[in-house]
């Protein structure tokens, strides 16, 4: 699995990059080898303009047998934004894998 983290108009410190990577890996860890790649971006939507929900987190994941899934959210603060978006990602992957297995008669993501 490859994990790529990008920043656009935002300084990505080592601490934020490390935090983001840990949260991503935790969110997808239960899906194992099904996760082929993760491309994640933190974007300052307003650039230098201040105020509001101007930070965006966009995560694109390629899941074997399911395809490409995208989660995106906005917030004013980086850490809560990363937390919320990675949690949503984990739930979305689980739902899609379960749906795929139910639709095509395979095991669920939990192995039952």
C-alpha atoms as a PDB file:
ATOM      1  CA  UNK A   1       0.000   0.000   0.000  1.00  0.00           C
ATOM      2  CA  UNK A   2       1.331   3.418  -0.896  1.00  0.00           C
ATOM      3  CA  UNK A   3       0.433   6.469   1.182  1.00  0.00           C
ATOM      4  CA  UNK A   4       0.949   9.931  -0.317  1.00  0.00           C
ATOM      5  CA  UNK A   5       0.249  13.082   1.694  1.00  0.00           C
ATOM      6  CA  UNK A   6       0.223  16.464  -0.016  1.00  0.00           C
ATOM      7  CA  UNK A   7      -0.328  20.063   1.036  1.00  0.00           C
ATOM      8  CA  UNK A   8      -1.577  22.958  -1.070  1.00  0.00           C
ATOM      9  CA  UNK A   9      -1.105  26.559   0.115  1.00  0.00           C
ATOM     10  CA  UNK A  10      -0.467  25.166   3.578  1.00  0.00           C
ATOM     11  CA  UNK A  11       2.755  24.414   5.421  1.00  0.00           C
ATOM     12  CA  UNK A  12       2.791  20.713   6.261  1.00  0.00           C
ATOM     13  CA  UNK A  13       4.962  20.307   9.344  1.00  0.00           C
ATOM     14  CA  UNK A  14       6.570  16.996  10.237  1.00  0.00           C
ATOM     15  CA  UNK A  15       4.244  16.762  13.259  1.00  0.00           C
ATOM     16  CA  UNK A  16       1.097  17.234  11.157  1.00  0.00           C
ATOM     17  CA  UNK A  17       2.342  14.839   8.451  1.00  0.00           C
ATOM     18  CA  UNK A  18       3.132  12.176  11.063  1.00  0.00           C
ATOM     19  CA  UNK A  19      -0.215  12.677  12.816  1.00  0.00           C
ATOM     20  CA  UNK A  20      -2.111  12.484   9.520  1.00  0.00           C
ATOM     21  CA  UNK A  21      -0.286   9.316   8.458  1.00  0.00           C
ATOM     22  CA  UNK A  22      -0.963   7.622  11.828  1.00  0.00           C
ATOM     23  CA  UNK A  23      -4.661   8.477  11.627  1.00  0.00           C
ATOM     24  CA  UNK A  24      -4.891   7.239   8.023  1.00  0.00           C
ATOM     25  CA  UNK A  25      -3.188   3.959   8.787  1.00  0.00           C
ATOM     26  CA  UNK A  26      -5.352   3.410  11.857  1.00  0.00           C
ATOM     27  CA  UNK A  27      -8.530   4.090   9.835  1.00  0.00           C
ATOM     28  CA  UNK A  28      -7.658   1.514   7.159  1.00  0.00           C
ATOM     29  CA  UNK A  29      -5.736  -1.047   9.231  1.00  0.00           C
ATOM     30  CA  UNK A  30      -8.626  -3.500   9.585  1.00  0.00           C
ATOM     31  CA  UNK A  31      -8.948  -3.785   5.802  1.00  0.00           C
ATOM     32  CA  UNK A  32      -5.407  -5.098   5.299  1.00  0.00           C
ATOM     33  CA  UNK A  33      -4.302  -5.884   1.778  1.00  0.00           C
ATOM     34  CA  UNK A  34      -7.570  -4.609   0.272  1.00  0.00           C
ATOM     35  CA  UNK A  35      -6.168  -1.069   0.495  1.00  0.00           C
ATOM     36  CA  UNK A  36      -4.034  -0.481  -2.588  1.00  0.00           C
ATOM     37  CA  UNK A  37      -3.193   3.210  -2.254  1.00  0.00           C
ATOM     38  CA  UNK A  38      -4.061   6.355  -0.325  1.00  0.00           C
ATOM     39  CA  UNK A  39      -3.673   9.894  -1.677  1.00  0.00           C
ATOM     40  CA  UNK A  40      -4.452  12.520   0.945  1.00  0.00           C
ATOM     41  CA  UNK A  41      -4.334  16.288   0.694  1.00  0.00           C
ATOM     42  CA  UNK A  42      -4.599  19.156   3.135  1.00  0.00           C
ATOM     43  CA  UNK A  43      -5.593  22.360   1.364  1.00  0.00           C
ATOM     44  CA  UNK A  44      -5.890  25.960   2.520  1.00  0.00           C
ATOM     45  CA  UNK A  45      -8.920  26.931   0.436  1.00  0.00           C
ATOM     46  CA  UNK A  46      -8.638  30.695   1.058  1.00  0.00           C
ATOM     47  CA  UNK A  47      -4.857  30.868   0.812  1.00  0.00           C
ATOM     48  CA  UNK A  48      -3.683  33.869   2.787  1.00  0.00           C
ATOM     49  CA  UNK A  49      -7.224  35.071   3.591  1.00  0.00           C
ATOM     50  CA  UNK A  50      -8.102  34.434   7.225  1.00  0.00           C
ATOM     51  CA  UNK A  51     -11.193  33.100   8.926  1.00  0.00           C
ATOM     52  CA  UNK A  52     -13.882  30.502   8.512  1.00  0.00           C
ATOM     53  CA  UNK A  53     -13.703  26.871   7.532  1.00  0.00           C
ATOM     54  CA  UNK A  54     -10.831  27.440   5.160  1.00  0.00           C
ATOM     55  CA  UNK A  55      -8.957  24.145   5.492  1.00  0.00           C
ATOM     56  CA  UNK A  56      -9.936  21.098   3.468  1.00  0.00           C
ATOM     57  CA  UNK A  57      -8.952  17.467   3.829  1.00  0.00           C
ATOM     58  CA  UNK A  58      -9.468  15.242   0.797  1.00  0.00           C
ATOM     59  CA  UNK A  59      -8.634  11.530   0.854  1.00  0.00           C
ATOM     60  CA  UNK A  60      -8.770   9.226  -2.171  1.00  0.00           C
ATOM     61  CA  UNK A  61      -8.380   5.496  -1.511  1.00  0.00           C
ATOM     62  CA  UNK A  62      -8.173   2.645  -4.019  1.00  0.00           C
ATOM     63  CA  UNK A  63      -9.747  -0.493  -2.562  1.00  0.00           C
ATOM     64  CA  UNK A  64      -9.298  -3.865  -4.285  1.00  0.00           C
ATOM     65  CA  UNK A  65     -12.598  -5.171  -5.613  1.00  0.00           C
ATOM     66  CA  UNK A  66     -14.431  -1.948  -4.743  1.00  0.00           C
ATOM     67  CA  UNK A  67     -12.694   0.839  -6.651  1.00  0.00           C
ATOM     68  CA  UNK A  68     -11.858   4.409  -5.770  1.00  0.00           C
ATOM     69  CA  UNK A  69     -13.460   6.043  -2.717  1.00  0.00           C
ATOM     70  CA  UNK A  70     -13.276   9.745  -1.859  1.00  0.00           C
ATOM     71  CA  UNK A  71     -13.889  11.522   1.456  1.00  0.00           C
ATOM     72  CA  UNK A  72     -13.649  15.282   1.858  1.00  0.00           C
ATOM     73  CA  UNK A  73     -14.409  17.730   4.656  1.00  0.00           C
ATOM     74  CA  UNK A  74     -13.673  21.329   5.694  1.00  0.00           C
ATOM     75  CA  UNK A  75     -12.814  22.902   9.049  1.00  0.00           C
ATOM     76  CA  UNK A  76     -10.941  25.799  10.569  1.00  0.00           C
ATOM     77  CA  UNK A  77      -8.546  23.570  12.544  1.00  0.00           C
ATOM     78  CA  UNK A  78      -6.233  20.890  11.123  1.00  0.00           C
ATOM     79  CA  UNK A  79      -6.308  18.188  13.846  1.00  0.00           C
ATOM     80  CA  UNK A  80     -10.108  17.957  14.234  1.00  0.00           C
ATOM     81  CA  UNK A  81     -10.366  17.997  10.436  1.00  0.00           C
ATOM     82  CA  UNK A  82      -7.941  15.087  10.091  1.00  0.00           C
ATOM     83  CA  UNK A  83      -9.708  13.161  12.888  1.00  0.00           C
ATOM     84  CA  UNK A  84     -13.177  13.573  11.396  1.00  0.00           C
ATOM     85  CA  UNK A  85     -12.160  12.848   7.805  1.00  0.00           C
ATOM     86  CA  UNK A  86     -10.151   9.713   8.626  1.00  0.00           C
ATOM     87  CA  UNK A  87     -12.974   8.377  10.824  1.00  0.00           C
ATOM     88  CA  UNK A  88     -15.428   8.917   7.960  1.00  0.00           C
ATOM     89  CA  UNK A  89     -13.005   7.153   5.623  1.00  0.00           C
ATOM     90  CA  UNK A  90     -12.882   4.026   7.802  1.00  0.00           C
ATOM     91  CA  UNK A  91     -16.680   3.858   8.015  1.00  0.00           C
ATOM     92  CA  UNK A  92     -17.088   4.393   4.257  1.00  0.00           C
ATOM     93  CA  UNK A  93     -14.634   1.637   3.348  1.00  0.00           C
ATOM     94  CA  UNK A  94     -16.357  -0.790   5.730  1.00  0.00           C
ATOM     95  CA  UNK A  95     -19.803   0.012   4.313  1.00  0.00           C
ATOM     96  CA  UNK A  96     -18.644  -0.332   0.700  1.00  0.00           C
ATOM     97  CA  UNK A  97     -16.842  -3.628   1.280  1.00  0.00           C
ATOM     98  CA  UNK A  98     -19.871  -5.024   3.144  1.00  0.00           C
ATOM     99  CA  UNK A  99     -22.217  -3.840   0.369  1.00  0.00           C
ATOM    100  CA  UNK A 100     -19.997  -5.372  -2.295  1.00  0.00           C
ATOM    101  CA  UNK A 101     -19.833  -8.710  -0.475  1.00  0.00           C
ATOM    102  CA  UNK A 102     -23.577  -8.802   0.174  1.00  0.00           C
ATOM    103  CA  UNK A 103     -24.336  -7.905  -3.430  1.00  0.00           C
ATOM    104  CA  UNK A 104     -22.001 -10.487  -4.882  1.00  0.00           C
ATOM    105  CA  UNK A 105     -22.305 -13.229  -2.230  1.00  0.00           C
ATOM    106  CA  UNK A 106     -18.948 -12.924  -0.518  1.00  0.00           C
ATOM    107  CA  UNK A 107     -17.837 -12.632   3.115  1.00  0.00           C
ATOM    108  CA  UNK A 108     -18.286  -9.347   4.963  1.00  0.00           C
ATOM    109  CA  UNK A 109     -15.302  -7.112   5.818  1.00  0.00           C
ATOM    110  CA  UNK A 110     -15.350  -8.505   9.364  1.00  0.00           C
ATOM    111  CA  UNK A 111     -14.943 -12.046   8.050  1.00  0.00           C
ATOM    112  CA  UNK A 112     -18.414 -13.292   9.006  1.00  0.00           C
END
